[in-house]
C-alpha atoms as a PDB file:
ATOM      1  CA  MET A   1     185.614 111.538 -70.940  1.00  0.00           C
ATOM      2  CA  ALA A   2     188.178 111.612 -68.545  1.00  0.00           C
ATOM      3  CA  SER A   3     187.424 112.917 -65.338  1.00  0.00           C
ATOM      4  CA  THR A   4     190.085 114.432 -63.156  1.00  0.00           C
ATOM      5  CA  SER A   5     189.921 114.428 -59.712  1.00  0.00           C
ATOM      6  CA  VAL A   6     190.311 118.161 -58.208  1.00  0.00           C
ATOM      7  CA  PRO A   7     190.870 118.356 -54.254  1.00  0.00           C
ATOM      8  CA  PRO A   8     187.989 120.420 -52.575  1.00  0.00           C
ATOM      9  CA  GLY A   9     188.864 123.826 -51.959  1.00  0.00           C
ATOM     10  CA  PRO A  10     187.320 126.833 -52.847  1.00  0.00           C
ATOM     11  CA  ALA A  11     186.883 126.939 -56.571  1.00  0.00           C
ATOM     12  CA  THR A  12     184.921 123.425 -55.932  1.00  0.00           C
ATOM     13  CA  GLY A  13     182.609 124.486 -53.634  1.00  0.00           C
ATOM     14  CA  GLY A  14     183.886 122.232 -51.008  1.00  0.00           C
ATOM     15  CA  LEU A  15     185.926 123.384 -47.711  1.00  0.00           C
ATOM     16  CA  PRO A  16     189.717 123.318 -47.745  1.00  0.00           C
ATOM     17  CA  PRO A  17     191.532 120.572 -45.182  1.00  0.00           C
ATOM     18  CA  ARG A  18     191.577 121.742 -41.792  1.00  0.00           C
ATOM     19  CA  GLN A  19     195.575 122.354 -41.075  1.00  0.00           C
ATOM     20  CA  ASN A  20     197.516 122.333 -37.379  1.00  0.00           C
ATOM     21  CA  SER A  21     197.779 125.698 -35.959  1.00  0.00           C
ATOM     22  CA  GLY A  22     201.363 126.641 -34.873  1.00  0.00           C
ATOM     23  CA  TRP A  23     199.537 126.623 -31.260  1.00  0.00           C
ATOM     24  CA  VAL A  24     198.331 123.175 -31.801  1.00  0.00           C
ATOM     25  CA  THR A  25     201.337 121.765 -32.463  1.00  0.00           C
ATOM     26  CA  GLY A  26     203.165 123.480 -29.795  1.00  0.00           C
ATOM     27  CA  LEU A  27     200.828 122.542 -27.266  1.00  0.00           C
ATOM     28  CA  VAL A  28     200.951 118.567 -28.166  1.00  0.00           C
ATOM     29  CA  LEU A  29     204.583 118.859 -27.996  1.00  0.00           C
ATOM     30  CA  PHE A  30     203.820 120.997 -24.150  1.00  0.00           C
ATOM     31  CA  ALA A  31     201.518 117.549 -23.553  1.00  0.00           C
ATOM     32  CA  GLY A  32     204.475 115.376 -24.503  1.00  0.00           C
ATOM     33  CA  VAL A  33     206.951 117.191 -22.165  1.00  0.00           C
ATOM     34  CA  VAL A  34     204.121 117.500 -19.601  1.00  0.00           C
ATOM     35  CA  MET A  35     203.067 113.420 -19.294  1.00  0.00           C
ATOM     36  CA  LEU A  36     206.932 112.738 -19.409  1.00  0.00           C
ATOM     37  CA  VAL A  37     207.397 114.750 -16.162  1.00  0.00           C
ATOM     38  CA  THR A  38     204.264 114.288 -14.215  1.00  0.00           C
ATOM     39  CA  GLY A  39     205.180 110.632 -15.594  1.00  0.00           C
ATOM     40  CA  LEU A  40     208.300 110.428 -13.503  1.00  0.00           C
ATOM     41  CA  VAL A  41     207.440 112.653 -10.628  1.00  0.00           C
ATOM     42  CA  ASP A  42     204.614 109.628 -10.365  1.00  0.00           C
ATOM     43  CA  LEU A  43     207.129 107.235 -10.874  1.00  0.00           C
ATOM     44  CA  PHE A  44     209.123 108.376  -8.025  1.00  0.00           C
ATOM     45  CA  GLN A  45     206.122 109.177  -5.862  1.00  0.00           C
ATOM     46  CA  GLY A  46     205.337 105.916  -5.992  1.00  0.00           C
ATOM     47  CA  ILE A  47     208.914 104.397  -5.107  1.00  0.00           C
ATOM     48  CA  VAL A  48     208.484 106.564  -1.589  1.00  0.00           C
ATOM     49  CA  ALA A  49     205.332 105.435  -1.121  1.00  0.00           C
ATOM     50  CA  VAL A  50     206.751 101.822  -1.417  1.00  0.00           C
ATOM     51  CA  ALA A  51     210.409 102.354   0.019  1.00  0.00           C
ATOM     52  CA  GLN A  52     209.132 104.639   3.584  1.00  0.00           C
ATOM     53  CA  ASP A  53     205.224 104.278   3.185  1.00  0.00           C
ATOM     54  CA  THR A  54     205.496 105.940   7.574  1.00  0.00           C
ATOM     55  CA  LEU A  55     206.807 109.435   5.443  1.00  0.00           C
ATOM     56  CA  ILE A  56     203.185 109.555   3.806  1.00  0.00           C
ATOM     57  CA  VAL A  57     200.627 110.827   6.117  1.00  0.00           C
ATOM     58  CA  THR A  58     197.387 110.037   5.859  1.00  0.00           C
ATOM     59  CA  THR A  59     194.343 111.753   6.615  1.00  0.00           C
ATOM     60  CA  PRO A  60     191.768 110.370   8.902  1.00  0.00           C
ATOM     61  CA  ASN A  61     188.383 109.461   8.734  1.00  0.00           C
ATOM     62  CA  TYR A  62     188.404 110.289   4.729  1.00  0.00           C
ATOM     63  CA  VAL A  63     186.051 108.446   2.676  1.00  0.00           C
ATOM     64  CA  PHE A  64     188.626 106.642  -0.103  1.00  0.00           C
ATOM     65  CA  LYS A  65     190.792 104.646   2.634  1.00  0.00           C
ATOM     66  CA  PHE A  66     193.413 102.262   0.922  1.00  0.00           C
ATOM     67  CA  ASP A  67     196.838 101.205   1.725  1.00  0.00           C
ATOM     68  CA  VAL A  68     200.006 103.413   1.362  1.00  0.00           C
ATOM     69  CA  THR A  69     202.186 100.605  -0.263  1.00  0.00           C
ATOM     70  CA  SER A  70     199.304  99.695  -2.996  1.00  0.00           C
ATOM     71  CA  TRP A  71     199.028 103.578  -3.853  1.00  0.00           C
ATOM     72  CA  GLY A  72     202.721 103.438  -4.180  1.00  0.00           C
ATOM     73  CA  TRP A  73     202.692 100.565  -6.646  1.00  0.00           C
ATOM     74  CA  ILE A  74     199.516 101.880  -8.850  1.00  0.00           C
ATOM     75  CA  HIS A  75     201.588 104.996  -9.099  1.00  0.00           C
ATOM     76  CA  ILE A  76     205.118 103.145 -10.508  1.00  0.00           C
ATOM     77  CA  VAL A  77     202.884 101.568 -12.826  1.00  0.00           C
ATOM     78  CA  LEU A  78     200.570 104.188 -14.135  1.00  0.00           C
ATOM     79  CA  GLY A  79     203.760 107.057 -13.668  1.00  0.00           C
ATOM     80  CA  ALA A  80     205.906 104.456 -16.046  1.00  0.00           C
ATOM     81  CA  LEU A  81     203.165 104.166 -18.566  1.00  0.00           C
ATOM     82  CA  VAL A  82     202.341 108.181 -19.000  1.00  0.00           C
ATOM     83  CA  ALA A  83     206.067 108.933 -18.783  1.00  0.00           C
ATOM     84  CA  LEU A  84     206.583 106.048 -21.648  1.00  0.00           C
ATOM     85  CA  VAL A  85     203.623 107.339 -23.671  1.00  0.00           C
ATOM     86  CA  GLY A  86     204.606 111.087 -23.500  1.00  0.00           C
ATOM     87  CA  ILE A  87     207.647 109.750 -25.198  1.00  0.00           C
ATOM     88  CA  CYS A  88     205.588 108.218 -28.511  1.00  0.00           C
ATOM     89  CA  VAL A  89     203.964 111.761 -28.326  1.00  0.00           C
ATOM     90  CA  LEU A  90     207.101 113.636 -29.055  1.00  0.00           C
ATOM     91  CA  ARG A  91     207.851 111.190 -31.323  1.00  0.00           C
ATOM     92  CA  ARG A  92     204.389 111.721 -32.473  1.00  0.00           C
ATOM     93  CA  MET A  93     203.551 108.970 -33.132  1.00  0.00           C
ATOM     94  CA  ALA A  94     199.419 108.557 -33.889  1.00  0.00           C
ATOM     95  CA  TRP A  95     198.611 106.064 -31.718  1.00  0.00           C
ATOM     96  CA  ALA A  96     201.003 107.452 -28.347  1.00  0.00           C
ATOM     97  CA  ARG A  97     197.997 110.712 -28.558  1.00  0.00           C
ATOM     98  CA  TYR A  98     194.956 108.277 -28.233  1.00  0.00           C
ATOM     99  CA  THR A  99     196.825 106.463 -25.494  1.00  0.00           C
ATOM    100  CA  GLY A 100     197.713 109.329 -23.826  1.00  0.00           C
ATOM    101  CA  MET A 101     194.128 110.587 -23.280  1.00  0.00           C
ATOM    102  CA  VAL A 102     192.656 107.326 -22.006  1.00  0.00           C
ATOM    103  CA  LEU A 103     196.269 107.623 -19.426  1.00  0.00           C
ATOM    104  CA  ALA A 104     195.690 110.568 -18.453  1.00  0.00           C
ATOM    105  CA  SER A 105     191.638 110.844 -17.647  1.00  0.00           C
ATOM    106  CA  LEU A 106     192.730 107.392 -15.665  1.00  0.00           C
ATOM    107  CA  SER A 107     196.069 109.227 -13.413  1.00  0.00           C
ATOM    108  CA  ALA A 108     193.181 111.923 -12.930  1.00  0.00           C
ATOM    109  CA  VAL A 109     190.937 109.392 -11.227  1.00  0.00           C
ATOM    110  CA  VAL A 110     194.016 107.821  -9.408  1.00  0.00           C
ATOM    111  CA  ASN A 111     195.125 111.492  -8.427  1.00  0.00           C
ATOM    112  CA  PHE A 112     191.517 112.182  -7.453  1.00  0.00           C
ATOM    113  CA  LEU A 113     191.657 109.139  -4.873  1.00  0.00           C
ATOM    114  CA  TRP A 114     195.094 110.350  -3.730  1.00  0.00           C
ATOM    115  CA  LEU A 115     193.733 113.554  -2.672  1.00  0.00           C
ATOM    116  CA  PRO A 116     193.792 113.030   1.240  1.00  0.00           C
ATOM    117  CA  TYR A 117     197.683 111.892   0.655  1.00  0.00           C
ATOM    118  CA  TYR A 118     198.962 114.813  -1.007  1.00  0.00           C
ATOM    119  CA  PRO A 119     196.249 117.149  -1.769  1.00  0.00           C
ATOM    120  CA  LEU A 120     198.065 120.152  -3.601  1.00  0.00           C
ATOM    121  CA  TRP A 121     199.950 117.748  -5.673  1.00  0.00           C
ATOM    122  CA  ALA A 122     196.834 115.789  -6.559  1.00  0.00           C
ATOM    123  CA  ILE A 123     195.138 119.029  -7.575  1.00  0.00           C
ATOM    124  CA  VAL A 124     197.641 120.026  -9.817  1.00  0.00           C
ATOM    125  CA  ILE A 125     198.275 116.415 -11.485  1.00  0.00           C
ATOM    126  CA  ILE A 126     194.890 116.654 -12.030  1.00  0.00           C
ATOM    127  CA  ALA A 127     195.101 119.528 -13.862  1.00  0.00           C
ATOM    128  CA  LEU A 128     197.566 119.134 -15.542  1.00  0.00           C
ATOM    129  CA  ASP A 129     196.244 115.802 -16.877  1.00  0.00           C
ATOM    130  CA  ILE A 130     192.999 118.056 -18.049  1.00  0.00           C
ATOM    131  CA  PHE A 131     195.031 119.965 -20.101  1.00  0.00           C
ATOM    132  CA  VAL A 132     197.055 117.050 -21.561  1.00  0.00           C
ATOM    133  CA  ILE A 133     193.698 115.423 -22.563  1.00  0.00           C
ATOM    134  CA  TRP A 134     192.433 118.885 -24.449  1.00  0.00           C
ATOM    135  CA  ALA A 135     195.776 119.415 -26.178  1.00  0.00           C
ATOM    136  CA  LEU A 136     195.898 115.780 -27.289  1.00  0.00           C
ATOM    137  CA  ALA A 137     192.548 116.049 -28.749  1.00  0.00           C
ATOM    138  CA  VAL A 138     192.938 119.422 -30.177  1.00  0.00           C
ATOM    139  CA  TYR A 139     195.839 117.967 -32.694  1.00  0.00           C
ATOM    140  CA  ARG A 140     194.616 116.702 -36.270  1.00  0.00           C
ATOM    141  CA  GLU A 141     196.841 114.168 -37.969  1.00  0.00           C
ATOM    142  CA  ASP A 142     198.556 116.246 -41.772  1.00  0.00           C
END
């Protein structure tokens, strides 16, 4: 007797394979664009912090005090990585989604520590990073 392989579905008692909805696909596309934009803005923000560190005003007596030039280099490197991975997310590379989640998590932590320098912008970036992590996590490979 030859057995034939039947894909799981309602007729065989199994669940049908789960597919992404249009919303999920659109969210991943939007997450890639957000990564590209926030990465470039962080890159430029880092360049400003390195070139003109007196331009950035720090708050006194904050627990997390670091040198502005050091923060500039951190933002340059992290911003460039986030932007490059954002491009790869837009090109639908599977590894880029996982790397994007890691980099967005790292970006959220870095921007939390950046709060005394640019509080409103840091909070916006943290919120966008959380959205990027969620959007990349709900996508399933077809």
